[in-house]
């Protein structure tokens, strides 16, 4: 049983890697790159990928005559620890002009130490800076049932890192979507198709100043 589970996990990782490489190969080498590095909220979990906010971002860029290729390296279930193990390779392969870091939600839902999450995000920001990428950090919040101390520490991680590194910040990705049943899938966690344009609306004002024509 353990052998089968291990093989299934290995196959899943291999397929994700092939998809990531294929996505890079389809991009125009001459165009600047935006790397979206997140979890299920950016991986279009439960909906067609063409209707996720990342795909909508690519369309919006084209409509507004920005010649960027958007590379989505997001993986459902990803934590900041998992993201950190993948980032160096992703930066090397994509060589992004801009990176959108959207991680931490799964750390919070699992009750992982905020200090560890903060250190992982801090390292990711540092690595991205060394790769000469502009950074957009996406903030998250978690429900109050985790306790006020944990909830506050989690929420403050993002603005604190934004100030420390002087990087752009979207305070809360799910603004105007969270706690809106008509915009959330049946799992109660992930935005549905109707919620995706709102996610992009939350991101765009902070992303636009980082773009060049």
N, C-alpha and C. Protein backbone atom coordinates (compact mmCIF):
# COMPACT_ATOMS: atom_id res chain seq x y z
N UNK A 1 0.84 -1.20 0.00
CA UNK A 1 0.00 0.00 0.00
C UNK A 1 0.87 1.25 0.00
N UNK A 2 1.89 1.26 0.88
CA UNK A 2 2.77 2.42 0.94
C UNK A 2 3.51 2.61 -0.38
N UNK A 3 3.88 1.48 -1.02
CA UNK A 3 4.58 1.55 -2.30
C UNK A 3 3.69 2.18 -3.36
N UNK A 4 2.40 1.80 -3.37
CA UNK A 4 1.48 2.36 -4.34
C UNK A 4 1.27 3.85 -4.12
N UNK A 5 1.16 4.24 -2.84
CA UNK A 5 0.98 5.65 -2.53
C UNK A 5 2.20 6.46 -2.95
N UNK A 6 3.37 5.90 -2.71
CA UNK A 6 4.61 6.59 -3.10
C UNK A 6 4.69 6.75 -4.61
N UNK A 7 4.34 5.69 -5.37
CA UNK A 7 4.37 5.76 -6.82
C UNK A 7 3.36 6.77 -7.34
N UNK A 8 2.19 6.82 -6.69
CA UNK A 8 1.16 7.77 -7.11
C UNK A 8 1.63 9.20 -6.88
N UNK A 9 2.27 9.44 -5.74
CA UNK A 9 2.80 10.77 -5.44
C UNK A 9 3.89 11.16 -6.42
N UNK A 10 4.78 10.21 -6.75
CA UNK A 10 5.86 10.47 -7.68
C UNK A 10 5.31 10.80 -9.06
N UNK A 11 4.28 10.06 -9.49
CA UNK A 11 3.66 10.31 -10.78
C UNK A 11 3.04 11.70 -10.82
N UNK A 12 2.37 12.08 -9.73
CA UNK A 12 1.73 13.39 -9.65
C UNK A 12 2.77 14.50 -9.78
N UNK A 13 3.88 14.36 -9.05
CA UNK A 13 4.94 15.36 -9.10
C UNK A 13 5.54 15.44 -10.50
N UNK A 14 5.72 14.27 -11.14
CA UNK A 14 6.29 14.23 -12.48
C UNK A 14 5.38 14.92 -13.48
N UNK A 15 4.07 14.68 -13.37
CA UNK A 15 3.12 15.31 -14.27
C UNK A 15 3.10 16.83 -14.09
N UNK A 16 3.19 17.26 -12.83
CA UNK A 16 3.23 18.69 -12.55
C UNK A 16 4.48 19.33 -13.14
N UNK A 17 5.60 18.61 -13.04
CA UNK A 17 6.85 19.12 -13.58
C UNK A 17 6.78 19.23 -15.10
N UNK A 18 6.22 18.21 -15.75
CA UNK A 18 6.08 18.24 -17.20
C UNK A 18 5.17 19.37 -17.65
N UNK A 19 4.08 19.58 -16.90
CA UNK A 19 3.16 20.66 -17.22
C UNK A 19 3.85 22.01 -17.09
N UNK A 20 4.67 22.16 -16.06
CA UNK A 20 5.40 23.41 -15.83
C UNK A 20 6.38 23.67 -16.96
N UNK A 21 7.12 22.64 -17.37
CA UNK A 21 8.09 22.78 -18.45
C UNK A 21 7.37 23.10 -19.76
N UNK A 22 6.23 22.44 -20.00
CA UNK A 22 5.47 22.70 -21.23
C UNK A 22 4.98 24.14 -21.26
N UNK A 23 4.55 24.64 -20.11
CA UNK A 23 4.06 26.00 -20.01
C UNK A 23 5.18 26.99 -20.33
N UNK A 24 6.38 26.71 -19.85
CA UNK A 24 7.53 27.57 -20.13
C UNK A 24 7.88 27.54 -21.62
N UNK A 25 7.85 26.33 -22.20
CA UNK A 25 8.25 26.19 -23.59
C UNK A 25 7.30 26.90 -24.53
N UNK A 26 6.02 27.04 -24.12
CA UNK A 26 5.03 27.72 -24.94
C UNK A 26 5.17 29.24 -24.88
N UNK A 27 5.87 29.74 -23.88
CA UNK A 27 6.03 31.18 -23.73
C UNK A 27 6.98 31.72 -24.78
N UNK A 28 6.77 32.95 -25.15
CA UNK A 28 7.64 33.63 -26.11
C UNK A 28 8.91 34.06 -25.41
N UNK A 29 10.04 33.57 -25.88
CA UNK A 29 11.31 33.86 -25.21
C UNK A 29 11.62 35.35 -25.18
N UNK A 30 11.06 36.09 -26.14
CA UNK A 30 11.35 37.52 -26.22
C UNK A 30 10.53 38.34 -25.24
N UNK A 31 9.44 37.78 -24.73
CA UNK A 31 8.55 38.51 -23.84
C UNK A 31 9.02 38.43 -22.39
N UNK A 32 8.83 39.50 -21.62
CA UNK A 32 9.10 39.42 -20.18
C UNK A 32 8.13 38.44 -19.53
N UNK A 33 8.53 37.90 -18.40
CA UNK A 33 7.76 36.83 -17.76
C UNK A 33 7.23 37.26 -16.39
N UNK A 34 6.01 36.81 -16.11
CA UNK A 34 5.43 36.91 -14.77
C UNK A 34 5.27 35.49 -14.25
N UNK A 35 5.92 35.18 -13.15
CA UNK A 35 5.82 33.86 -12.53
C UNK A 35 4.83 33.93 -11.38
N UNK A 36 3.77 33.14 -11.47
CA UNK A 36 2.79 33.04 -10.39
C UNK A 36 3.14 31.81 -9.57
N UNK A 37 3.47 32.02 -8.32
CA UNK A 37 4.00 30.96 -7.47
C UNK A 37 3.09 30.82 -6.26
N UNK A 38 2.09 29.95 -6.38
CA UNK A 38 1.09 29.88 -5.32
C UNK A 38 0.58 28.48 -5.05
N UNK A 39 -0.61 28.45 -4.45
CA UNK A 39 -1.26 27.19 -4.09
C UNK A 39 -2.55 27.03 -4.88
N UNK A 40 -3.53 26.31 -4.33
CA UNK A 40 -4.75 26.02 -5.06
C UNK A 40 -5.53 27.27 -5.44
N UNK A 41 -5.37 28.35 -4.68
CA UNK A 41 -6.09 29.59 -4.99
C UNK A 41 -5.62 30.19 -6.31
N UNK A 42 -4.41 29.85 -6.72
CA UNK A 42 -3.87 30.32 -7.99
C UNK A 42 -3.82 29.21 -9.04
N UNK A 43 -4.03 27.97 -8.61
CA UNK A 43 -3.95 26.84 -9.53
C UNK A 43 -5.30 26.49 -10.14
N UNK A 44 -6.32 27.34 -9.90
CA UNK A 44 -7.67 27.13 -10.45
C UNK A 44 -8.26 25.80 -9.98
N UNK A 45 -8.10 25.54 -8.70
CA UNK A 45 -8.62 24.29 -8.14
C UNK A 45 -10.14 24.22 -8.31
N UNK A 46 -10.62 23.09 -8.83
CA UNK A 46 -12.05 22.84 -8.92
C UNK A 46 -12.77 23.51 -10.07
N UNK A 47 -12.04 24.26 -10.89
CA UNK A 47 -12.66 24.95 -12.03
C UNK A 47 -11.73 24.79 -13.24
N UNK A 48 -12.23 25.05 -14.44
CA UNK A 48 -11.34 25.00 -15.61
C UNK A 48 -10.21 26.03 -15.48
N UNK A 49 -9.01 25.60 -15.81
CA UNK A 49 -7.86 26.50 -15.67
C UNK A 49 -8.04 27.78 -16.49
N UNK A 50 -8.76 27.67 -17.59
CA UNK A 50 -8.97 28.83 -18.45
C UNK A 50 -9.84 29.90 -17.79
N UNK A 51 -10.48 29.55 -16.67
CA UNK A 51 -11.35 30.49 -15.98
C UNK A 51 -10.78 30.95 -14.64
N UNK A 52 -9.57 30.49 -14.32
CA UNK A 52 -8.90 30.93 -13.10
C UNK A 52 -8.35 32.33 -13.25
N UNK A 53 -8.03 32.97 -12.12
CA UNK A 53 -7.58 34.37 -12.18
C UNK A 53 -6.26 34.51 -12.93
N UNK A 54 -5.42 33.48 -12.92
CA UNK A 54 -4.14 33.57 -13.63
C UNK A 54 -4.36 33.63 -15.14
N UNK A 55 -5.27 32.79 -15.64
CA UNK A 55 -5.60 32.84 -17.06
C UNK A 55 -6.26 34.17 -17.41
N UNK A 56 -7.11 34.66 -16.52
CA UNK A 56 -7.74 35.96 -16.74
C UNK A 56 -6.71 37.09 -16.76
N UNK A 57 -5.67 36.93 -15.97
CA UNK A 57 -4.58 37.92 -15.96
C UNK A 57 -3.88 37.95 -17.32
N UNK A 58 -3.59 36.78 -17.89
CA UNK A 58 -2.93 36.75 -19.19
C UNK A 58 -3.78 37.47 -20.24
N UNK A 59 -5.08 37.24 -20.18
CA UNK A 59 -5.99 37.89 -21.14
C UNK A 59 -6.02 39.41 -20.92
N UNK A 60 -6.05 39.83 -19.67
CA UNK A 60 -6.11 41.26 -19.36
C UNK A 60 -4.84 41.96 -19.83
N UNK A 61 -3.71 41.31 -19.63
CA UNK A 61 -2.44 41.89 -20.10
C UNK A 61 -2.47 42.09 -21.61
N UNK A 62 -2.95 41.08 -22.32
CA UNK A 62 -3.02 41.19 -23.78
C UNK A 62 -3.99 42.29 -24.20
N UNK A 63 -5.13 42.33 -23.53
CA UNK A 63 -6.14 43.34 -23.88
C UNK A 63 -5.62 44.76 -23.67
N UNK A 64 -4.73 44.92 -22.67
CA UNK A 64 -4.19 46.24 -22.39
C UNK A 64 -2.80 46.44 -23.00
N UNK A 65 -2.46 45.57 -23.93
CA UNK A 65 -1.23 45.71 -24.73
C UNK A 65 0.05 45.62 -23.91
N UNK A 66 0.03 44.77 -22.88
CA UNK A 66 1.25 44.42 -22.16
C UNK A 66 1.73 43.07 -22.70
N UNK A 67 2.94 43.02 -23.22
CA UNK A 67 3.42 41.79 -23.83
C UNK A 67 4.19 40.93 -22.82
N UNK A 68 3.47 40.46 -21.83
CA UNK A 68 4.04 39.57 -20.82
C UNK A 68 3.50 38.15 -21.02
N UNK A 69 4.33 37.17 -20.73
CA UNK A 69 3.88 35.78 -20.64
C UNK A 69 3.73 35.44 -19.16
N UNK A 70 2.59 34.87 -18.81
CA UNK A 70 2.33 34.48 -17.42
C UNK A 70 2.59 32.98 -17.28
N UNK A 71 3.49 32.63 -16.41
CA UNK A 71 3.83 31.23 -16.14
C UNK A 71 3.26 30.86 -14.78
N UNK A 72 2.36 29.90 -14.75
CA UNK A 72 1.72 29.51 -13.50
C UNK A 72 2.39 28.27 -12.92
N UNK A 73 3.15 28.46 -11.85
CA UNK A 73 3.83 27.36 -11.17
C UNK A 73 3.15 27.03 -9.85
N UNK A 74 1.86 27.28 -9.77
CA UNK A 74 1.11 27.04 -8.53
C UNK A 74 0.70 25.57 -8.42
N UNK A 75 0.71 25.05 -7.19
CA UNK A 75 0.35 23.66 -6.93
C UNK A 75 -0.65 23.61 -5.79
N UNK A 76 -1.76 22.93 -6.00
CA UNK A 76 -2.77 22.79 -4.95
C UNK A 76 -2.17 22.08 -3.74
N UNK A 77 -2.48 22.60 -2.56
CA UNK A 77 -1.98 22.00 -1.32
C UNK A 77 -0.60 22.47 -0.91
N UNK A 78 0.02 23.33 -1.71
CA UNK A 78 1.39 23.77 -1.43
C UNK A 78 1.47 24.60 -0.15
N UNK A 79 2.51 24.37 0.62
CA UNK A 79 2.84 25.17 1.79
C UNK A 79 4.05 26.05 1.46
N UNK A 80 4.38 26.96 2.36
CA UNK A 80 5.57 27.78 2.12
C UNK A 80 6.83 26.93 2.11
N UNK A 81 6.84 25.87 2.90
CA UNK A 81 8.01 24.98 2.93
C UNK A 81 8.18 24.28 1.59
N UNK A 82 7.08 23.76 1.04
CA UNK A 82 7.15 23.12 -0.26
C UNK A 82 7.52 24.10 -1.35
N UNK A 83 6.96 25.30 -1.26
CA UNK A 83 7.28 26.32 -2.25
C UNK A 83 8.75 26.69 -2.23
N UNK A 84 9.30 26.79 -1.05
CA UNK A 84 10.71 27.15 -0.92
C UNK A 84 11.61 26.11 -1.59
N UNK A 85 11.25 24.84 -1.50
CA UNK A 85 12.07 23.79 -2.12
C UNK A 85 12.02 23.86 -3.65
N UNK A 86 10.98 24.46 -4.20
CA UNK A 86 10.81 24.53 -5.65
C UNK A 86 11.29 25.84 -6.27
N UNK A 87 11.41 26.87 -5.46
CA UNK A 87 11.56 28.21 -6.00
C UNK A 87 12.84 28.41 -6.79
N UNK A 88 13.95 27.96 -6.28
CA UNK A 88 15.23 28.20 -6.95
C UNK A 88 15.21 27.65 -8.37
N UNK A 89 14.67 26.44 -8.54
CA UNK A 89 14.59 25.84 -9.87
C UNK A 89 13.65 26.64 -10.77
N UNK A 90 12.51 27.07 -10.21
CA UNK A 90 11.54 27.84 -10.99
C UNK A 90 12.14 29.17 -11.45
N UNK A 91 12.86 29.84 -10.56
CA UNK A 91 13.48 31.11 -10.92
C UNK A 91 14.52 30.91 -12.02
N UNK A 92 15.26 29.82 -11.93
CA UNK A 92 16.29 29.53 -12.92
C UNK A 92 15.69 29.23 -14.29
N UNK A 93 14.60 28.46 -14.32
CA UNK A 93 13.98 28.07 -15.57
C UNK A 93 13.24 29.24 -16.23
N UNK A 94 12.48 29.99 -15.43
CA UNK A 94 11.62 31.03 -15.98
C UNK A 94 12.35 32.35 -16.15
N UNK A 95 13.26 32.67 -15.22
CA UNK A 95 13.93 33.97 -15.18
C UNK A 95 12.89 35.10 -15.27
N UNK A 96 11.99 35.14 -14.29
CA UNK A 96 10.88 36.09 -14.36
C UNK A 96 11.30 37.53 -14.13
N UNK A 97 10.59 38.43 -14.77
CA UNK A 97 10.75 39.85 -14.48
C UNK A 97 9.95 40.23 -13.24
N UNK A 98 8.84 39.51 -13.04
CA UNK A 98 7.97 39.72 -11.88
C UNK A 98 7.58 38.36 -11.33
N UNK A 99 7.57 38.24 -10.01
CA UNK A 99 7.06 37.03 -9.38
C UNK A 99 5.93 37.42 -8.42
N UNK A 100 4.84 36.69 -8.51
CA UNK A 100 3.71 36.85 -7.60
C UNK A 100 3.75 35.69 -6.63
N UNK A 101 4.04 35.98 -5.37
CA UNK A 101 4.14 34.93 -4.35
C UNK A 101 2.83 34.87 -3.59
N UNK A 102 2.12 33.76 -3.75
CA UNK A 102 0.82 33.57 -3.10
C UNK A 102 0.85 32.25 -2.34
N UNK A 103 1.44 32.27 -1.16
CA UNK A 103 1.57 31.07 -0.34
C UNK A 103 1.34 31.42 1.13
N UNK A 104 0.96 30.40 1.88
CA UNK A 104 0.75 30.57 3.31
C UNK A 104 -0.60 30.08 3.79
N UNK A 105 -1.58 30.05 2.89
CA UNK A 105 -2.92 29.63 3.30
C UNK A 105 -2.92 28.22 3.88
N UNK A 106 -2.18 27.32 3.25
CA UNK A 106 -2.15 25.93 3.73
C UNK A 106 -1.36 25.80 5.04
N UNK A 107 -0.36 26.65 5.22
CA UNK A 107 0.33 26.69 6.52
C UNK A 107 -0.67 27.02 7.62
N UNK A 108 -1.49 28.06 7.35
CA UNK A 108 -2.46 28.49 8.34
C UNK A 108 -3.52 27.45 8.61
N UNK A 109 -4.07 26.85 7.56
CA UNK A 109 -5.13 25.86 7.73
C UNK A 109 -4.63 24.63 8.49
N UNK A 110 -3.33 24.35 8.39
CA UNK A 110 -2.75 23.21 9.10
C UNK A 110 -2.21 23.60 10.48
N UNK A 111 -2.31 24.89 10.79
CA UNK A 111 -1.83 25.35 12.09
C UNK A 111 -0.32 25.26 12.25
N UNK A 112 0.40 25.36 11.15
CA UNK A 112 1.86 25.30 11.21
C UNK A 112 2.41 26.57 11.85
N UNK A 113 3.58 26.51 12.46
CA UNK A 113 4.13 27.68 13.15
C UNK A 113 4.27 28.90 12.25
N UNK A 114 3.77 30.02 12.71
CA UNK A 114 3.86 31.26 11.92
C UNK A 114 5.32 31.66 11.72
N UNK A 115 6.15 31.42 12.72
CA UNK A 115 7.57 31.77 12.61
C UNK A 115 8.21 31.03 11.44
N UNK A 116 7.88 29.75 11.28
CA UNK A 116 8.43 28.96 10.17
C UNK A 116 7.92 29.49 8.83
N UNK A 117 6.63 29.81 8.77
CA UNK A 117 6.05 30.35 7.55
C UNK A 117 6.73 31.67 7.18
N UNK A 118 6.93 32.51 8.17
CA UNK A 118 7.57 33.82 7.94
C UNK A 118 8.98 33.64 7.41
N UNK A 119 9.72 32.73 7.99
CA UNK A 119 11.10 32.49 7.54
C UNK A 119 11.13 31.97 6.11
N UNK A 120 10.18 31.10 5.77
CA UNK A 120 10.13 30.57 4.41
C UNK A 120 9.82 31.68 3.40
N UNK A 121 8.83 32.49 3.71
CA UNK A 121 8.48 33.59 2.81
C UNK A 121 9.62 34.60 2.71
N UNK A 122 10.27 34.85 3.83
CA UNK A 122 11.41 35.77 3.84
C UNK A 122 12.51 35.28 2.90
N UNK A 123 12.80 33.98 2.96
CA UNK A 123 13.83 33.41 2.09
C UNK A 123 13.41 33.46 0.63
N UNK A 124 12.13 33.21 0.36
CA UNK A 124 11.64 33.26 -1.02
C UNK A 124 11.75 34.67 -1.60
N UNK A 125 11.42 35.65 -0.79
CA UNK A 125 11.55 37.04 -1.24
C UNK A 125 13.01 37.37 -1.52
N UNK A 126 13.89 36.95 -0.62
CA UNK A 126 15.32 37.20 -0.78
C UNK A 126 15.85 36.55 -2.05
N UNK A 127 15.47 35.29 -2.29
CA UNK A 127 15.92 34.59 -3.50
C UNK A 127 15.40 35.27 -4.76
N UNK A 128 14.15 35.73 -4.70
CA UNK A 128 13.56 36.40 -5.86
C UNK A 128 14.27 37.71 -6.16
N UNK A 129 14.64 38.43 -5.11
CA UNK A 129 15.40 39.67 -5.30
C UNK A 129 16.76 39.39 -5.94
N UNK A 130 17.41 38.33 -5.50
CA UNK A 130 18.71 37.98 -6.06
C UNK A 130 18.59 37.61 -7.54
N UNK A 131 17.39 37.12 -7.92
CA UNK A 131 17.14 36.77 -9.32
C UNK A 131 16.68 37.99 -10.13
N UNK A 132 16.72 39.17 -9.48
CA UNK A 132 16.35 40.44 -10.14
C UNK A 132 14.89 40.48 -10.58
N UNK A 133 14.03 39.81 -9.83
CA UNK A 133 12.60 39.84 -10.12
C UNK A 133 11.90 40.84 -9.21
N UNK A 134 10.99 41.62 -9.79
CA UNK A 134 10.11 42.43 -8.97
C UNK A 134 9.12 41.50 -8.27
N UNK A 135 8.71 41.88 -7.06
CA UNK A 135 7.93 40.96 -6.24
C UNK A 135 6.59 41.56 -5.86
N UNK A 136 5.55 40.76 -6.03
CA UNK A 136 4.23 41.10 -5.52
C UNK A 136 3.85 40.01 -4.52
N UNK A 137 3.73 40.39 -3.27
CA UNK A 137 3.38 39.45 -2.20
C UNK A 137 1.87 39.48 -1.98
N UNK A 138 1.27 38.31 -1.96
CA UNK A 138 -0.18 38.20 -1.79
C UNK A 138 -0.49 37.79 -0.35
N UNK A 139 -1.21 38.65 0.36
CA UNK A 139 -1.54 38.37 1.75
C UNK A 139 -2.77 37.49 1.90
N UNK A 140 -2.82 36.82 3.04
CA UNK A 140 -3.95 35.95 3.37
C UNK A 140 -4.37 36.18 4.81
N UNK A 141 -5.59 35.74 5.12
CA UNK A 141 -6.09 35.74 6.48
C UNK A 141 -6.71 34.37 6.73
N UNK A 142 -6.81 34.00 8.01
CA UNK A 142 -7.43 32.72 8.35
C UNK A 142 -8.58 32.97 9.32
N UNK A 143 -9.50 32.01 9.42
CA UNK A 143 -10.67 32.18 10.30
C UNK A 143 -10.27 32.38 11.76
N UNK A 144 -11.10 33.06 12.54
CA UNK A 144 -10.77 33.37 13.93
C UNK A 144 -10.76 32.16 14.87
N UNK A 145 -11.26 31.01 14.40
CA UNK A 145 -11.32 29.84 15.28
C UNK A 145 -9.94 29.26 15.60
N UNK A 146 -8.88 29.79 14.97
CA UNK A 146 -7.53 29.35 15.30
C UNK A 146 -6.98 30.08 16.52
N UNK A 147 -7.76 30.99 17.05
CA UNK A 147 -7.34 31.74 18.23
C UNK A 147 -6.79 33.09 17.86
N UNK A 148 -7.04 34.11 18.67
CA UNK A 148 -6.64 35.48 18.31
C UNK A 148 -5.13 35.65 18.16
N UNK A 149 -4.35 34.99 18.99
CA UNK A 149 -2.90 35.17 18.93
C UNK A 149 -2.34 34.64 17.60
N UNK A 150 -2.75 33.43 17.24
CA UNK A 150 -2.26 32.82 16.01
C UNK A 150 -2.79 33.59 14.80
N UNK A 151 -4.07 33.92 14.82
CA UNK A 151 -4.70 34.61 13.70
C UNK A 151 -4.04 35.96 13.43
N UNK A 152 -3.77 36.71 14.49
CA UNK A 152 -3.14 38.02 14.33
C UNK A 152 -1.71 37.90 13.82
N UNK A 153 -0.97 36.94 14.38
CA UNK A 153 0.42 36.75 13.94
C UNK A 153 0.47 36.35 12.48
N UNK A 154 -0.46 35.49 12.07
CA UNK A 154 -0.53 35.06 10.68
C UNK A 154 -0.82 36.25 9.78
N UNK A 155 -1.84 37.02 10.12
CA UNK A 155 -2.25 38.17 9.29
C UNK A 155 -1.14 39.20 9.17
N UNK A 156 -0.40 39.43 10.25
CA UNK A 156 0.64 40.46 10.26
C UNK A 156 1.91 40.06 9.49
N UNK A 157 2.06 38.78 9.23
CA UNK A 157 3.25 38.31 8.53
C UNK A 157 3.44 39.04 7.20
N UNK A 158 2.37 39.19 6.45
CA UNK A 158 2.47 39.73 5.09
C UNK A 158 2.82 41.22 5.07
N UNK A 159 2.10 42.07 5.80
CA UNK A 159 2.50 43.49 5.80
C UNK A 159 3.87 43.71 6.42
N UNK A 160 4.23 42.89 7.40
CA UNK A 160 5.56 43.03 8.01
C UNK A 160 6.66 42.73 7.00
N UNK A 161 6.48 41.65 6.23
CA UNK A 161 7.48 41.31 5.21
C UNK A 161 7.51 42.34 4.09
N UNK A 162 6.35 42.85 3.75
CA UNK A 162 6.28 43.88 2.71
C UNK A 162 7.07 45.12 3.11
N UNK A 163 6.92 45.53 4.36
CA UNK A 163 7.66 46.69 4.86
C UNK A 163 9.15 46.39 4.97
N UNK A 164 9.47 45.22 5.47
CA UNK A 164 10.87 44.84 5.67
C UNK A 164 11.64 44.83 4.34
N UNK A 165 11.01 44.28 3.31
CA UNK A 165 11.70 44.11 2.03
C UNK A 165 11.35 45.19 1.01
N UNK A 166 10.40 46.06 1.40
CA UNK A 166 9.95 47.12 0.49
C UNK A 166 9.43 46.53 -0.83
N UNK A 167 8.52 45.56 -0.70
CA UNK A 167 7.90 44.94 -1.87
C UNK A 167 6.40 45.22 -1.85
N UNK A 168 5.79 45.17 -3.01
CA UNK A 168 4.37 45.44 -3.15
C UNK A 168 3.55 44.34 -2.48
N UNK A 169 2.38 44.73 -1.98
CA UNK A 169 1.54 43.80 -1.22
C UNK A 169 0.08 43.93 -1.60
N UNK A 170 -0.56 42.79 -1.85
CA UNK A 170 -2.02 42.71 -1.87
C UNK A 170 -2.43 42.25 -0.47
N UNK A 171 -3.08 43.09 0.32
CA UNK A 171 -3.33 42.74 1.72
C UNK A 171 -4.08 41.44 1.93
N UNK A 172 -5.10 41.17 1.08
CA UNK A 172 -5.91 39.96 1.27
C UNK A 172 -6.47 39.53 -0.08
N UNK A 173 -5.99 38.40 -0.57
CA UNK A 173 -6.41 37.92 -1.89
C UNK A 173 -7.91 37.74 -2.00
N UNK A 174 -8.54 37.27 -0.92
CA UNK A 174 -9.96 36.91 -0.97
C UNK A 174 -10.88 38.05 -0.53
N UNK A 175 -10.38 39.28 -0.58
CA UNK A 175 -11.21 40.43 -0.25
C UNK A 175 -12.45 40.45 -1.17
N UNK A 176 -13.62 40.65 -0.56
CA UNK A 176 -14.90 40.69 -1.27
C UNK A 176 -15.32 39.33 -1.86
N UNK A 177 -14.60 38.28 -1.50
CA UNK A 177 -14.95 36.93 -1.94
C UNK A 177 -15.20 36.01 -0.75
N UNK A 178 -14.31 36.06 0.24
CA UNK A 178 -14.47 35.23 1.44
C UNK A 178 -15.80 35.54 2.12
N UNK A 179 -16.44 34.50 2.63
CA UNK A 179 -17.72 34.63 3.33
C UNK A 179 -18.86 35.05 2.41
N UNK A 180 -18.66 34.90 1.11
CA UNK A 180 -19.72 35.15 0.13
C UNK A 180 -20.07 33.81 -0.53
N UNK A 181 -21.06 33.10 0.00
CA UNK A 181 -21.36 31.74 -0.48
C UNK A 181 -21.53 31.63 -1.99
N UNK A 182 -22.09 32.65 -2.61
CA UNK A 182 -22.33 32.58 -4.05
C UNK A 182 -21.04 32.64 -4.86
N UNK A 183 -19.94 33.01 -4.20
CA UNK A 183 -18.65 33.12 -4.88
C UNK A 183 -17.68 32.00 -4.50
N UNK A 184 -18.14 31.07 -3.66
CA UNK A 184 -17.28 30.01 -3.14
C UNK A 184 -17.79 28.65 -3.57
N UNK A 185 -16.86 27.74 -3.85
CA UNK A 185 -17.23 26.37 -4.22
C UNK A 185 -17.85 25.64 -3.01
N UNK A 186 -18.38 24.47 -3.27
CA UNK A 186 -19.07 23.71 -2.22
C UNK A 186 -18.16 23.31 -1.07
N UNK A 187 -16.83 23.33 -1.29
CA UNK A 187 -15.91 22.99 -0.21
C UNK A 187 -15.80 24.09 0.83
N UNK A 188 -16.36 25.26 0.53
CA UNK A 188 -16.33 26.38 1.47
C UNK A 188 -15.02 27.11 1.54
N UNK A 189 -14.08 26.76 0.67
CA UNK A 189 -12.74 27.34 0.73
C UNK A 189 -12.32 28.05 -0.55
N UNK A 190 -12.61 27.44 -1.68
CA UNK A 190 -12.05 27.93 -2.94
C UNK A 190 -13.07 28.75 -3.73
N UNK A 191 -12.64 29.89 -4.25
CA UNK A 191 -13.54 30.70 -5.08
C UNK A 191 -13.99 29.93 -6.32
N UNK A 192 -15.24 30.14 -6.70
CA UNK A 192 -15.74 29.52 -7.92
C UNK A 192 -15.42 30.40 -9.12
N UNK A 193 -15.98 30.06 -10.26
CA UNK A 193 -15.70 30.82 -11.49
C UNK A 193 -16.10 32.28 -11.33
N UNK A 194 -17.22 32.52 -10.65
CA UNK A 194 -17.69 33.90 -10.48
C UNK A 194 -16.77 34.72 -9.59
N UNK A 195 -16.03 34.05 -8.71
CA UNK A 195 -15.12 34.75 -7.81
C UNK A 195 -13.78 35.11 -8.41
N UNK A 196 -13.41 34.45 -9.50
CA UNK A 196 -12.08 34.64 -10.08
C UNK A 196 -11.82 36.08 -10.58
N UNK A 197 -12.77 36.71 -11.27
CA UNK A 197 -12.50 38.10 -11.69
C UNK A 197 -12.30 39.04 -10.52
N UNK A 198 -12.92 38.75 -9.38
CA UNK A 198 -12.75 39.60 -8.20
C UNK A 198 -11.34 39.43 -7.64
N UNK A 199 -10.82 38.20 -7.67
CA UNK A 199 -9.44 37.97 -7.24
C UNK A 199 -8.49 38.81 -8.11
N UNK A 200 -8.73 38.78 -9.40
CA UNK A 200 -7.88 39.57 -10.30
C UNK A 200 -8.02 41.06 -10.02
N UNK A 201 -9.25 41.50 -9.73
CA UNK A 201 -9.47 42.92 -9.38
C UNK A 201 -8.69 43.31 -8.13
N UNK A 202 -8.53 42.37 -7.19
CA UNK A 202 -7.76 42.64 -5.98
C UNK A 202 -6.26 42.75 -6.27
N UNK A 203 -5.81 42.01 -7.26
CA UNK A 203 -4.38 41.94 -7.58
C UNK A 203 -3.94 43.05 -8.52
N UNK A 204 -4.76 43.35 -9.52
CA UNK A 204 -4.35 44.23 -10.61
C UNK A 204 -3.82 45.60 -10.17
N UNK A 205 -4.48 46.30 -9.24
CA UNK A 205 -3.96 47.64 -8.86
C UNK A 205 -2.56 47.61 -8.28
N UNK A 206 -2.18 46.51 -7.68
CA UNK A 206 -0.83 46.39 -7.12
C UNK A 206 0.18 45.85 -8.14
N UNK A 207 -0.32 45.10 -9.10
CA UNK A 207 0.56 44.56 -10.13
C UNK A 207 0.87 45.59 -11.21
N UNK A 208 -0.10 46.37 -11.59
CA UNK A 208 0.06 47.28 -12.72
C UNK A 208 1.28 48.19 -12.60
N UNK A 209 1.57 48.79 -11.41
CA UNK A 209 2.74 49.65 -11.32
C UNK A 209 4.07 48.92 -11.57
N UNK A 210 4.06 47.61 -11.50
CA UNK A 210 5.29 46.84 -11.71
C UNK A 210 5.51 46.53 -13.19
N UNK A 211 4.49 46.76 -14.02
CA UNK A 211 4.55 46.40 -15.42
C UNK A 211 5.23 47.48 -16.26
N UNK A 212 5.82 47.05 -17.37
CA UNK A 212 6.39 47.97 -18.35
C UNK A 212 5.86 47.59 -19.73
N UNK A 213 5.61 48.59 -20.53
CA UNK A 213 5.15 48.34 -21.91
C UNK A 213 6.34 48.13 -22.84
